[in-house]
Amino acid sequence: MTKARARQITKAVIPAAGLGTRFLPATKATPKEMLPVVDKPAIQYVVEEAASAGLTDVLMITGRNKRPLEDHFDRAYELEELLVRKGDEAKLARVRESSDLATMHYVRQGDPKGLGHAVLCAEPHVADQPFAVLLGDDLIDPRDPLLAKMIDVQRELGGSVVALIEVAPEQAHLYGCAAVKPAEWHGTLGGDDEIVRITDLVEKPAEGEAPSNYAVIGRYVLDPTVFDVLRETPPGKNDEIQLTDALRVLAQRTPGRGGPVHGVLFKGRRYDTGDRGDYLRAIVRLACERDDLGPDFRTWLKELVGSGELDTLTGAE
């Protein structure tokens, strides 16, 4: 095992500079990452995932009007003092939870030049260490620990690792898509058919031209060589610097030069909060599964469906 592969991964990068235009007007003055999913902002689920995988150093890439993100992960002394006086230990613990998750850092992206540029903004903080990137629109259920497995793959095989899901062919053009082949096995990972070697990547291919139905979702574990490649990557799709384009270069490289790139095929529970409909479905599903909310909420849902009121609401006969 090389020295680079043996280094422990402790840093996570979370790009959070987007304007959230799909959720206007809710995001006019509120960062999209702070929209609640049941009773926690979406971004907290992402930081919790990083922390549970052992990534205790989190850098958030932000922009203008993102100050609420920093405030949420900071201590709220006045609120905490009020809850202490009231003796409300349960709420006090919940308020303190977000500020105790990890050591948080922040840097502004400045110009909105795409995901690749956002990742490049992390270089001074990450330096020459492998690191994880988590996108806030994808919430991964903690019962399906994807990130921990990706870290294990990177530690064993080196290079970079991306998360993949299988999508319907007509949806492939909405994602970055990967061409894959069976991985060459080493060590403890031998025989895991959910790990593949990526040979090519295409960002949002034209309909019918995707190299496969394996789509990239918002989890990456990256070799620091990606920074060198990103600096040389010209703007691509939407005139932005695409992380997919840099990973395509690394996929062609040998170990020691930043390659290879592996994929972990994820078949677990994932909630897409970047789409309004999926955001609502995520809230309903997570609320149903909560011990404190689920029983009453599931009963109400069953009554709503059984009453025929939904047909009235949608105008159906």
C-alpha atoms as a PDB file:
ATOM      1  CA  MET A   1       0.000   0.000   0.000  1.00  0.00           C
ATOM      2  CA  THR A   2       1.392   3.418  -0.918  1.00  0.00           C
ATOM      3  CA  LYS A   3       1.863   6.224   1.560  1.00  0.00           C
ATOM      4  CA  ALA A   4      -0.961   8.198  -0.114  1.00  0.00           C
ATOM      5  CA  ARG A   5      -3.385   5.325   0.300  1.00  0.00           C
ATOM      6  CA  ALA A   6      -2.501   4.865   3.962  1.00  0.00           C
ATOM      7  CA  ARG A   7      -3.344   8.421   4.991  1.00  0.00           C
ATOM      8  CA  GLN A   8      -6.438   8.726   7.115  1.00  0.00           C
ATOM      9  CA  ILE A   9      -9.268  10.773   5.628  1.00  0.00           C
ATOM     10  CA  THR A  10     -10.597  13.318   8.101  1.00  0.00           C
ATOM     11  CA  LYS A  11     -11.755  16.240   5.948  1.00  0.00           C
ATOM     12  CA  ALA A  12     -15.070  16.772   4.200  1.00  0.00           C
ATOM     13  CA  VAL A  13     -15.947  19.522   1.736  1.00  0.00           C
ATOM     14  CA  ILE A  14     -19.579  20.578   1.314  1.00  0.00           C
ATOM     15  CA  PRO A  15     -20.311  22.965  -1.584  1.00  0.00           C
ATOM     16  CA  ALA A  16     -23.144  25.257  -0.501  1.00  0.00           C
ATOM     17  CA  ALA A  17     -22.889  28.362  -2.665  1.00  0.00           C
ATOM     18  CA  GLY A  18     -25.884  27.711  -4.937  1.00  0.00           C
ATOM     19  CA  LEU A  19     -28.780  30.148  -5.102  1.00  0.00           C
ATOM     20  CA  GLY A  20     -31.553  27.551  -4.882  1.00  0.00           C
ATOM     21  CA  THR A  21     -33.624  29.111  -7.664  1.00  0.00           C
ATOM     22  CA  ARG A  22     -35.858  26.037  -7.963  1.00  0.00           C
ATOM     23  CA  PHE A  23     -37.274  26.850  -4.530  1.00  0.00           C
ATOM     24  CA  LEU A  24     -38.021  30.531  -5.023  1.00  0.00           C
ATOM     25  CA  PRO A  25     -39.506  32.491  -3.343  1.00  0.00           C
ATOM     26  CA  ALA A  26     -38.654  30.419  -0.227  1.00  0.00           C
ATOM     27  CA  THR A  27     -34.945  30.838  -0.965  1.00  0.00           C
ATOM     28  CA  LYS A  28     -35.089  34.584  -1.667  1.00  0.00           C
ATOM     29  CA  ALA A  29     -33.707  35.333   1.799  1.00  0.00           C
ATOM     30  CA  THR A  30     -33.091  31.816   3.171  1.00  0.00           C
ATOM     31  CA  PRO A  31     -30.311  29.537   1.897  1.00  0.00           C
ATOM     32  CA  LYS A  32     -31.755  26.426   0.264  1.00  0.00           C
ATOM     33  CA  GLU A  33     -29.547  24.328   2.557  1.00  0.00           C
ATOM     34  CA  MET A  34     -31.488  25.691   5.534  1.00  0.00           C
ATOM     35  CA  LEU A  35     -34.885  24.542   4.296  1.00  0.00           C
ATOM     36  CA  PRO A  36     -36.241  22.135   6.914  1.00  0.00           C
ATOM     37  CA  VAL A  37     -36.561  18.407   6.336  1.00  0.00           C
ATOM     38  CA  VAL A  38     -39.049  17.592   9.102  1.00  0.00           C
ATOM     39  CA  ASP A  39     -37.405  19.578  11.925  1.00  0.00           C
ATOM     40  CA  LYS A  40     -33.751  19.880  10.884  1.00  0.00           C
ATOM     41  CA  PRO A  41     -32.291  21.877   8.011  1.00  0.00           C
ATOM     42  CA  ALA A  42     -31.201  19.715   5.097  1.00  0.00           C
ATOM     43  CA  ILE A  43     -27.547  20.674   5.556  1.00  0.00           C
ATOM     44  CA  GLN A  44     -27.451  19.231   9.062  1.00  0.00           C
ATOM     45  CA  TYR A  45     -28.218  15.754   7.735  1.00  0.00           C
ATOM     46  CA  VAL A  46     -25.188  16.074   5.449  1.00  0.00           C
ATOM     47  CA  VAL A  47     -22.834  17.180   8.221  1.00  0.00           C
ATOM     48  CA  GLU A  48     -24.153  14.368  10.424  1.00  0.00           C
ATOM     49  CA  GLU A  49     -23.329  11.887   7.664  1.00  0.00           C
ATOM     50  CA  ALA A  50     -19.778  13.218   7.386  1.00  0.00           C
ATOM     51  CA  ALA A  51     -19.281  13.084  11.141  1.00  0.00           C
ATOM     52  CA  SER A  52     -20.622   9.535  11.420  1.00  0.00           C
ATOM     53  CA  ALA A  53     -18.026   8.459   8.822  1.00  0.00           C
ATOM     54  CA  GLY A  54     -15.245   9.927  10.957  1.00  0.00           C
ATOM     55  CA  LEU A  55     -14.860  13.194   9.044  1.00  0.00           C
ATOM     56  CA  THR A  56     -14.615  15.671  11.887  1.00  0.00           C
ATOM     57  CA  ASP A  57     -13.114  18.554   9.878  1.00  0.00           C
ATOM     58  CA  VAL A  58     -15.761  20.087   7.583  1.00  0.00           C
ATOM     59  CA  LEU A  59     -15.186  22.901   5.102  1.00  0.00           C
ATOM     60  CA  MET A  60     -18.292  24.514   3.689  1.00  0.00           C
ATOM     61  CA  ILE A  61     -17.978  26.389   0.383  1.00  0.00           C
ATOM     62  CA  THR A  62     -20.444  29.272   0.663  1.00  0.00           C
ATOM     63  CA  GLY A  63     -21.397  32.517  -1.028  1.00  0.00           C
ATOM     64  CA  ARG A  64     -23.314  35.697  -0.340  1.00  0.00           C
ATOM     65  CA  ASN A  65     -26.391  35.450   1.928  1.00  0.00           C
ATOM     66  CA  LYS A  66     -25.174  32.161   3.433  1.00  0.00           C
ATOM     67  CA  ARG A  67     -24.488  33.496   6.919  1.00  0.00           C
ATOM     68  CA  PRO A  68     -27.372  31.425   8.419  1.00  0.00           C
ATOM     69  CA  LEU A  69     -25.319  28.301   7.683  1.00  0.00           C
ATOM     70  CA  GLU A  70     -22.524  29.530   9.905  1.00  0.00           C
ATOM     71  CA  ASP A  71     -24.959  30.599  12.608  1.00  0.00           C
ATOM     72  CA  HIS A  72     -26.664  27.206  12.620  1.00  0.00           C
ATOM     73  CA  PHE A  73     -23.449  25.319  13.362  1.00  0.00           C
ATOM     74  CA  ASP A  74     -22.299  27.891  15.926  1.00  0.00           C
ATOM     75  CA  ARG A  75     -23.277  28.031  19.588  1.00  0.00           C
ATOM     76  CA  ALA A  76     -26.487  29.943  20.350  1.00  0.00           C
ATOM     77  CA  TYR A  77     -25.649  31.085  23.874  1.00  0.00           C
ATOM     78  CA  GLU A  78     -28.732  33.224  24.475  1.00  0.00           C
ATOM     79  CA  LEU A  79     -31.071  30.440  23.382  1.00  0.00           C
ATOM     80  CA  GLU A  80     -29.148  27.855  25.371  1.00  0.00           C
ATOM     81  CA  GLU A  81     -29.271  30.022  28.491  1.00  0.00           C
ATOM     82  CA  LEU A  82     -33.039  30.423  28.100  1.00  0.00           C
ATOM     83  CA  LEU A  83     -33.516  26.661  27.808  1.00  0.00           C
ATOM     84  CA  VAL A  84     -31.274  26.070  30.827  1.00  0.00           C
ATOM     85  CA  ARG A  85     -33.424  28.459  32.890  1.00  0.00           C
ATOM     86  CA  LYS A  86     -36.536  26.621  31.740  1.00  0.00           C
ATOM     87  CA  GLY A  87     -35.001  23.265  32.549  1.00  0.00           C
ATOM     88  CA  ASP A  88     -35.799  22.013  29.045  1.00  0.00           C
ATOM     89  CA  GLU A  89     -32.961  19.519  28.683  1.00  0.00           C
ATOM     90  CA  ALA A  90     -34.419  17.825  25.600  1.00  0.00           C
ATOM     91  CA  LYS A  91     -34.541  21.002  23.512  1.00  0.00           C
ATOM     92  CA  LEU A  92     -31.183  22.120  24.863  1.00  0.00           C
ATOM     93  CA  ALA A  93     -29.586  18.899  23.621  1.00  0.00           C
ATOM     94  CA  ARG A  94     -31.133  19.373  20.179  1.00  0.00           C
ATOM     95  CA  VAL A  95     -29.920  22.956  19.946  1.00  0.00           C
ATOM     96  CA  ARG A  96     -26.380  21.970  20.912  1.00  0.00           C
ATOM     97  CA  GLU A  97     -26.345  18.968  18.605  1.00  0.00           C
ATOM     98  CA  SER A  98     -25.459  20.870  15.433  1.00  0.00           C
ATOM     99  CA  SER A  99     -22.573  22.800  17.024  1.00  0.00           C
ATOM    100  CA  ASP A 100     -21.016  19.614  18.448  1.00  0.00           C
ATOM    101  CA  LEU A 101     -20.944  17.606  15.218  1.00  0.00           C
ATOM    102  CA  ALA A 102     -17.595  18.686  13.751  1.00  0.00           C
ATOM    103  CA  THR A 103     -15.043  21.456  13.520  1.00  0.00           C
ATOM    104  CA  MET A 104     -16.548  23.760  10.917  1.00  0.00           C
ATOM    105  CA  HIS A 105     -14.709  26.017   8.467  1.00  0.00           C
ATOM    106  CA  TYR A 106     -16.049  28.310   5.754  1.00  0.00           C
ATOM    107  CA  VAL A 107     -14.743  29.848   2.548  1.00  0.00           C
ATOM    108  CA  ARG A 108     -16.620  31.826  -0.109  1.00  0.00           C
ATOM    109  CA  GLN A 109     -16.578  30.621  -3.677  1.00  0.00           C
ATOM    110  CA  GLY A 110     -16.959  34.113  -5.140  1.00  0.00           C
ATOM    111  CA  ASP A 111     -17.704  33.576  -8.810  1.00  0.00           C
ATOM    112  CA  PRO A 112     -20.247  30.787  -9.487  1.00  0.00           C
ATOM    113  CA  LYS A 113     -18.072  28.779 -11.861  1.00  0.00           C
ATOM    114  CA  GLY A 114     -19.457  25.303 -11.150  1.00  0.00           C
ATOM    115  CA  LEU A 115     -18.856  22.350  -8.866  1.00  0.00           C
ATOM    116  CA  GLY A 116     -15.293  21.850 -10.055  1.00  0.00           C
ATOM    117  CA  HIS A 117     -14.444  25.431  -9.144  1.00  0.00           C
ATOM    118  CA  ALA A 118     -16.120  25.036  -5.745  1.00  0.00           C
ATOM    119  CA  VAL A 119     -13.964  21.975  -5.036  1.00  0.00           C
ATOM    120  CA  LEU A 120     -10.867  23.876  -6.163  1.00  0.00           C
ATOM    121  CA  CYS A 121     -11.654  26.535  -3.544  1.00  0.00           C
ATOM    122  CA  ALA A 122     -11.002  23.856  -0.911  1.00  0.00           C
ATOM    123  CA  GLU A 123      -7.360  23.291  -1.890  1.00  0.00           C
ATOM    124  CA  PRO A 124      -5.754  25.606   0.704  1.00  0.00           C
ATOM    125  CA  HIS A 125      -7.655  23.809   3.455  1.00  0.00           C
ATOM    126  CA  VAL A 126      -7.301  20.245   2.189  1.00  0.00           C
ATOM    127  CA  ALA A 127      -3.691  20.535   0.936  1.00  0.00           C
ATOM    128  CA  ASP A 128      -2.283  17.140  -0.091  1.00  0.00           C
ATOM    129  CA  GLN A 129      -4.724  14.870   1.744  1.00  0.00           C
ATOM    130  CA  PRO A 130      -7.471  12.691   0.274  1.00  0.00           C
ATOM    131  CA  PHE A 131     -10.856  14.187   1.159  1.00  0.00           C
ATOM    132  CA  ALA A 132     -14.595  13.674   0.759  1.00  0.00           C
ATOM    133  CA  VAL A 133     -17.080  15.889  -1.063  1.00  0.00           C
ATOM    134  CA  LEU A 134     -20.749  15.765  -0.084  1.00  0.00           C
ATOM    135  CA  LEU A 135     -23.428  17.600  -2.047  1.00  0.00           C
ATOM    136  CA  GLY A 136     -26.323  18.901   0.013  1.00  0.00           C
ATOM    137  CA  ASP A 137     -29.110  17.917  -2.395  1.00  0.00           C
ATOM    138  CA  ASP A 138     -28.537  14.208  -1.760  1.00  0.00           C
ATOM    139  CA  LEU A 139     -29.475  12.941   1.688  1.00  0.00           C
ATOM    140  CA  ILE A 140     -28.286   9.391   2.372  1.00  0.00           C
ATOM    141  CA  ASP A 141     -30.151   7.402   4.999  1.00  0.00           C
ATOM    142  CA  PRO A 142     -27.820   6.718   7.956  1.00  0.00           C
ATOM    143  CA  ARG A 143     -28.929   3.074   7.926  1.00  0.00           C
ATOM    144  CA  ASP A 144     -27.134   2.723   4.577  1.00  0.00           C
ATOM    145  CA  PRO A 145     -23.599   4.024   5.316  1.00  0.00           C
ATOM    146  CA  LEU A 146     -22.407   4.829   1.804  1.00  0.00           C
ATOM    147  CA  LEU A 147     -19.626   7.278   2.691  1.00  0.00           C
ATOM    148  CA  ALA A 148     -17.877   4.917   5.096  1.00  0.00           C
ATOM    149  CA  LYS A 149     -17.718   2.261   2.384  1.00  0.00           C
ATOM    150  CA  MET A 150     -16.346   4.758  -0.133  1.00  0.00           C
ATOM    151  CA  ILE A 151     -13.605   5.730   2.308  1.00  0.00           C
ATOM    152  CA  ASP A 152     -12.708   2.048   2.745  1.00  0.00           C
ATOM    153  CA  VAL A 153     -12.493   1.628  -1.034  1.00  0.00           C
ATOM    154  CA  GLN A 154     -10.217   4.653  -1.407  1.00  0.00           C
ATOM    155  CA  ARG A 155      -7.994   3.475   1.426  1.00  0.00           C
ATOM    156  CA  GLU A 156      -7.668   0.024  -0.143  1.00  0.00           C
ATOM    157  CA  LEU A 157      -7.462   0.882  -3.850  1.00  0.00           C
ATOM    158  CA  GLY A 158      -6.219   4.484  -3.881  1.00  0.00           C
ATOM    159  CA  GLY A 159      -7.215   7.120  -6.407  1.00  0.00           C
ATOM    160  CA  SER A 160     -10.720   8.565  -6.224  1.00  0.00           C
ATOM    161  CA  VAL A 161     -14.136   7.045  -5.597  1.00  0.00           C
ATOM    162  CA  VAL A 162     -17.584   8.226  -6.706  1.00  0.00           C
ATOM    163  CA  ALA A 163     -21.056   7.060  -5.737  1.00  0.00           C
ATOM    164  CA  LEU A 164     -23.236   5.617  -8.502  1.00  0.00           C
ATOM    165  CA  ILE A 165     -26.893   4.690  -8.757  1.00  0.00           C
ATOM    166  CA  GLU A 166     -28.650   2.854 -11.564  1.00  0.00           C
ATOM    167  CA  VAL A 167     -31.260   5.018 -13.303  1.00  0.00           C
ATOM    168  CA  ALA A 168     -33.784   4.432 -16.059  1.00  0.00           C
ATOM    169  CA  PRO A 169     -32.291   5.049 -19.537  1.00  0.00           C
ATOM    170  CA  GLU A 170     -34.610   8.009 -20.148  1.00  0.00           C
ATOM    171  CA  GLN A 171     -33.236   9.717 -16.995  1.00  0.00           C
ATOM    172  CA  ALA A 172     -29.535   9.261 -17.745  1.00  0.00           C
ATOM    173  CA  HIS A 173     -29.237  12.630 -19.479  1.00  0.00           C
ATOM    174  CA  LEU A 174     -30.011  14.361 -16.178  1.00  0.00           C
ATOM    175  CA  TYR A 175     -26.820  13.097 -14.519  1.00  0.00           C
ATOM    176  CA  GLY A 176     -23.137  12.589 -15.027  1.00  0.00           C
ATOM    177  CA  CYS A 177     -22.886   9.012 -16.279  1.00  0.00           C
ATOM    178  CA  ALA A 178     -20.049   6.494 -16.003  1.00  0.00           C
ATOM    179  CA  ALA A 179     -18.700   3.766 -18.234  1.00  0.00           C
ATOM    180  CA  VAL A 180     -17.568   0.930 -15.968  1.00  0.00           C
ATOM    181  CA  LYS A 181     -15.851  -2.445 -15.935  1.00  0.00           C
ATOM    182  CA  PRO A 182     -15.209  -4.979 -13.172  1.00  0.00           C
ATOM    183  CA  ALA A 183     -12.710  -3.782 -10.609  1.00  0.00           C
ATOM    184  CA  GLU A 184      -9.360  -5.456 -10.089  1.00  0.00           C
ATOM    185  CA  TRP A 185      -9.536  -6.778  -6.562  1.00  0.00           C
ATOM    186  CA  HIS A 186      -7.036  -6.393  -3.783  1.00  0.00           C
ATOM    187  CA  GLY A 187      -7.080  -7.066  -0.063  1.00  0.00           C
ATOM    188  CA  THR A 188     -10.329  -7.155   1.892  1.00  0.00           C
ATOM    189  CA  LEU A 189     -12.553  -5.805  -0.899  1.00  0.00           C
ATOM    190  CA  GLY A 190     -12.280  -8.800  -3.220  1.00  0.00           C
ATOM    191  CA  GLY A 191     -15.586 -10.174  -4.447  1.00  0.00           C
ATOM    192  CA  ASP A 192     -17.725  -7.087  -3.789  1.00  0.00           C
ATOM    193  CA  ASP A 193     -19.714  -6.653  -6.994  1.00  0.00           C
ATOM    194  CA  GLU A 194     -20.900  -3.197  -5.884  1.00  0.00           C
ATOM    195  CA  ILE A 195     -17.430  -1.788  -6.568  1.00  0.00           C
ATOM    196  CA  VAL A 196     -16.504  -1.093 -10.199  1.00  0.00           C
ATOM    197  CA  ARG A 197     -13.672   0.535 -12.110  1.00  0.00           C
ATOM    198  CA  ILE A 198     -14.711   3.689 -13.983  1.00  0.00           C
ATOM    199  CA  THR A 199     -13.220   4.063 -17.446  1.00  0.00           C
ATOM    200  CA  ASP A 200     -15.084   7.143 -18.664  1.00  0.00           C
ATOM    201  CA  LEU A 201     -17.437   9.855 -17.422  1.00  0.00           C
ATOM    202  CA  VAL A 202     -19.810  12.130 -19.328  1.00  0.00           C
ATOM    203  CA  GLU A 203     -21.595  15.088 -17.751  1.00  0.00           C
ATOM    204  CA  LYS A 204     -25.308  15.095 -18.675  1.00  0.00           C
ATOM    205  CA  PRO A 205     -24.981  13.258 -21.994  1.00  0.00           C
ATOM    206  CA  ALA A 206     -27.454  13.842 -24.797  1.00  0.00           C
ATOM    207  CA  GLU A 207     -30.479  11.557 -24.677  1.00  0.00           C
ATOM    208  CA  GLY A 208     -29.569   8.112 -25.940  1.00  0.00           C
ATOM    209  CA  GLU A 209     -25.815   8.758 -25.748  1.00  0.00           C
ATOM    210  CA  ALA A 210     -25.070   7.867 -22.115  1.00  0.00           C
ATOM    211  CA  PRO A 211     -22.238   5.323 -21.730  1.00  0.00           C
ATOM    212  CA  SER A 212     -24.355   3.379 -19.202  1.00  0.00           C
ATOM    213  CA  ASN A 213     -27.290   3.713 -16.826  1.00  0.00           C
ATOM    214  CA  TYR A 214     -24.913   4.301 -13.907  1.00  0.00           C
ATOM    215  CA  ALA A 215     -25.364   7.883 -12.728  1.00  0.00           C
ATOM    216  CA  VAL A 216     -23.102   9.848 -10.407  1.00  0.00           C
ATOM    217  CA  ILE A 217     -24.725  11.148  -7.211  1.00  0.00           C
ATOM    218  CA  GLY A 218     -23.379  13.677  -4.758  1.00  0.00           C
ATOM    219  CA  ARG A 219     -20.749  11.712  -2.841  1.00  0.00           C
ATOM    220  CA  TYR A 220     -17.061  11.651  -3.754  1.00  0.00           C
ATOM    221  CA  VAL A 221     -13.814  10.644  -2.077  1.00  0.00           C
ATOM    222  CA  LEU A 222     -11.040  12.375  -3.989  1.00  0.00           C
ATOM    223  CA  ASP A 223      -7.293  12.138  -4.373  1.00  0.00           C
ATOM    224  CA  PRO A 224      -5.729  15.610  -3.981  1.00  0.00           C
ATOM    225  CA  THR A 225      -4.311  15.298  -7.522  1.00  0.00           C
ATOM    226  CA  VAL A 226      -7.779  16.424  -8.594  1.00  0.00           C
ATOM    227  CA  PHE A 227      -6.773  20.015  -7.788  1.00  0.00           C
ATOM    228  CA  ASP A 228      -4.010  19.978 -10.413  1.00  0.00           C
ATOM    229  CA  VAL A 229      -6.450  18.616 -12.982  1.00  0.00           C
ATOM    230  CA  LEU A 230      -9.180  21.119 -12.095  1.00  0.00           C
ATOM    231  CA  ARG A 231      -6.791  24.019 -12.638  1.00  0.00           C
ATOM    232  CA  GLU A 232      -6.283  22.783 -16.211  1.00  0.00           C
ATOM    233  CA  THR A 233      -9.937  21.902 -16.863  1.00  0.00           C
ATOM    234  CA  PRO A 234     -11.693  24.354 -19.210  1.00  0.00           C
ATOM    235  CA  PRO A 235     -15.338  25.289 -18.673  1.00  0.00           C
ATOM    236  CA  GLY A 236     -17.660  22.612 -20.024  1.00  0.00           C
ATOM    237  CA  LYS A 237     -21.395  22.027 -19.662  1.00  0.00           C
ATOM    238  CA  ASN A 238     -23.220  25.311 -18.861  1.00  0.00           C
ATOM    239  CA  ASP A 239     -19.866  27.132 -19.165  1.00  0.00           C
ATOM    240  CA  GLU A 240     -18.874  25.786 -15.734  1.00  0.00           C
ATOM    241  CA  ILE A 241     -15.825  23.871 -14.539  1.00  0.00           C
ATOM    242  CA  GLN A 242     -17.194  20.374 -14.129  1.00  0.00           C
ATOM    243  CA  LEU A 243     -15.846  17.986 -11.519  1.00  0.00           C
ATOM    244  CA  THR A 244     -16.949  15.163 -13.827  1.00  0.00           C
ATOM    245  CA  ASP A 245     -14.517  16.364 -16.503  1.00  0.00           C
ATOM    246  CA  ALA A 246     -11.588  16.300 -14.062  1.00  0.00           C
ATOM    247  CA  LEU A 247     -12.520  12.823 -12.846  1.00  0.00           C
ATOM    248  CA  ARG A 248     -12.632  11.665 -16.451  1.00  0.00           C
ATOM    249  CA  VAL A 249      -8.961  12.619 -16.756  1.00  0.00           C
ATOM    250  CA  LEU A 250      -8.072  10.834 -13.515  1.00  0.00           C
ATOM    251  CA  ALA A 251      -9.941   7.718 -14.645  1.00  0.00           C
ATOM    252  CA  GLN A 252      -7.339   7.294 -17.398  1.00  0.00           C
ATOM    253  CA  ARG A 253      -4.395   7.589 -15.022  1.00  0.00           C
ATOM    254  CA  THR A 254      -2.413   4.923 -13.216  1.00  0.00           C
ATOM    255  CA  PRO A 255      -1.939   4.671  -9.443  1.00  0.00           C
ATOM    256  CA  GLY A 256       0.534   7.239  -8.223  1.00  0.00           C
ATOM    257  CA  ARG A 257      -0.591   9.810 -10.797  1.00  0.00           C
ATOM    258  CA  GLY A 258      -4.030  10.375  -9.282  1.00  0.00           C
ATOM    259  CA  GLY A 259      -5.787   7.352 -10.700  1.00  0.00           C
ATOM    260  CA  PRO A 260      -7.676   5.167 -10.853  1.00  0.00           C
ATOM    261  CA  VAL A 261     -11.331   6.126 -10.268  1.00  0.00           C
ATOM    262  CA  HIS A 262     -13.663   3.544  -8.768  1.00  0.00           C
ATOM    263  CA  GLY A 263     -17.408   3.615  -8.297  1.00  0.00           C
ATOM    264  CA  VAL A 264     -19.554   2.262  -5.479  1.00  0.00           C
ATOM    265  CA  LEU A 265     -22.981   1.155  -6.706  1.00  0.00           C
ATOM    266  CA  PHE A 266     -25.430   2.434  -4.109  1.00  0.00           C
ATOM    267  CA  LYS A 267     -28.724   0.579  -3.684  1.00  0.00           C
ATOM    268  CA  GLY A 268     -29.791   2.060  -0.378  1.00  0.00           C
ATOM    269  CA  ARG A 269     -32.167   4.821   0.663  1.00  0.00           C
ATOM    270  CA  ARG A 270     -31.485   8.248  -0.846  1.00  0.00           C
ATOM    271  CA  TYR A 271     -33.581  11.401  -0.657  1.00  0.00           C
ATOM    272  CA  ASP A 272     -33.238  14.071  -3.335  1.00  0.00           C
ATOM    273  CA  THR A 273     -33.981  17.464  -1.793  1.00  0.00           C
ATOM    274  CA  GLY A 274     -32.950  19.433  -4.877  1.00  0.00           C
ATOM    275  CA  ASP A 275     -36.301  18.839  -6.592  1.00  0.00           C
ATOM    276  CA  ARG A 276     -39.497  20.242  -5.074  1.00  0.00           C
ATOM    277  CA  GLY A 277     -41.511  17.059  -5.488  1.00  0.00           C
ATOM    278  CA  ASP A 278     -38.738  14.818  -4.177  1.00  0.00           C
ATOM    279  CA  TYR A 279     -38.152  17.247  -1.322  1.00  0.00           C
ATOM    280  CA  LEU A 280     -41.770  16.839  -0.211  1.00  0.00           C
ATOM    281  CA  ARG A 281     -41.580  13.068  -0.589  1.00  0.00           C
ATOM    282  CA  ALA A 282     -38.422  13.020   1.524  1.00  0.00           C
ATOM    283  CA  ILE A 283     -40.168  14.910   4.315  1.00  0.00           C
ATOM    284  CA  VAL A 284     -43.139  12.547   4.282  1.00  0.00           C
ATOM    285  CA  ARG A 285     -40.979   9.420   4.266  1.00  0.00           C
ATOM    286  CA  LEU A 286     -38.660  10.603   7.029  1.00  0.00           C
ATOM    287  CA  ALA A 287     -41.578  11.816   9.166  1.00  0.00           C
ATOM    288  CA  CYS A 288     -43.276   8.438   8.783  1.00  0.00           C
ATOM    289  CA  GLU A 289     -40.157   6.684  10.062  1.00  0.00           C
ATOM    290  CA  ARG A 290     -39.689   8.861  13.141  1.00  0.00           C
ATOM    291  CA  ASP A 291     -40.564   7.217  16.455  1.00  0.00           C
ATOM    292  CA  ASP A 292     -41.961  10.466  17.861  1.00  0.00           C
ATOM    293  CA  LEU A 293     -43.944  11.545  14.789  1.00  0.00           C
ATOM    294  CA  GLY A 294     -44.463   8.426  12.733  1.00  0.00           C
ATOM    295  CA  PRO A 295     -47.387   6.665  14.440  1.00  0.00           C
ATOM    296  CA  ASP A 296     -49.767   9.646  14.379  1.00  0.00           C
ATOM    297  CA  PHE A 297     -48.520  10.863  10.989  1.00  0.00           C
ATOM    298  CA  ARG A 298     -48.944   7.444   9.341  1.00  0.00           C
ATOM    299  CA  THR A 299     -52.446   7.159  10.763  1.00  0.00           C
ATOM    300  CA  TRP A 300     -53.339  10.566   9.335  1.00  0.00           C
ATOM    301  CA  LEU A 301     -51.914   9.643   5.928  1.00  0.00           C
ATOM    302  CA  LYS A 302     -53.920   6.423   5.803  1.00  0.00           C
ATOM    303  CA  GLU A 303     -57.078   8.302   6.717  1.00  0.00           C
ATOM    304  CA  LEU A 304     -56.369  10.953   4.087  1.00  0.00           C
ATOM    305  CA  VAL A 305     -55.836   8.367   1.365  1.00  0.00           C
ATOM    306  CA  GLY A 306     -58.795   6.246   2.428  1.00  0.00           C
ATOM    307  CA  SER A 307     -61.184   9.183   2.646  1.00  0.00           C
ATOM    308  CA  GLY A 308     -60.904  10.027  -1.032  1.00  0.00           C
ATOM    309  CA  GLU A 309     -59.993  13.604  -0.088  1.00  0.00           C
ATOM    310  CA  LEU A 310     -56.866  13.417  -2.209  1.00  0.00           C
ATOM    311  CA  ASP A 311     -59.011  12.938  -5.308  1.00  0.00           C
ATOM    312  CA  THR A 312     -60.893  16.086  -4.395  1.00  0.00           C
ATOM    313  CA  LEU A 313     -57.677  18.017  -3.870  1.00  0.00           C
ATOM    314  CA  THR A 314     -56.314  17.030  -7.267  1.00  0.00           C
ATOM    315  CA  GLY A 315     -59.578  17.601  -9.092  1.00  0.00           C
ATOM    316  CA  ALA A 316     -59.909  13.927 -10.018  1.00  0.00           C
ATOM    317  CA  GLU A 317     -63.331  12.421 -10.350  1.00  0.00           C
END
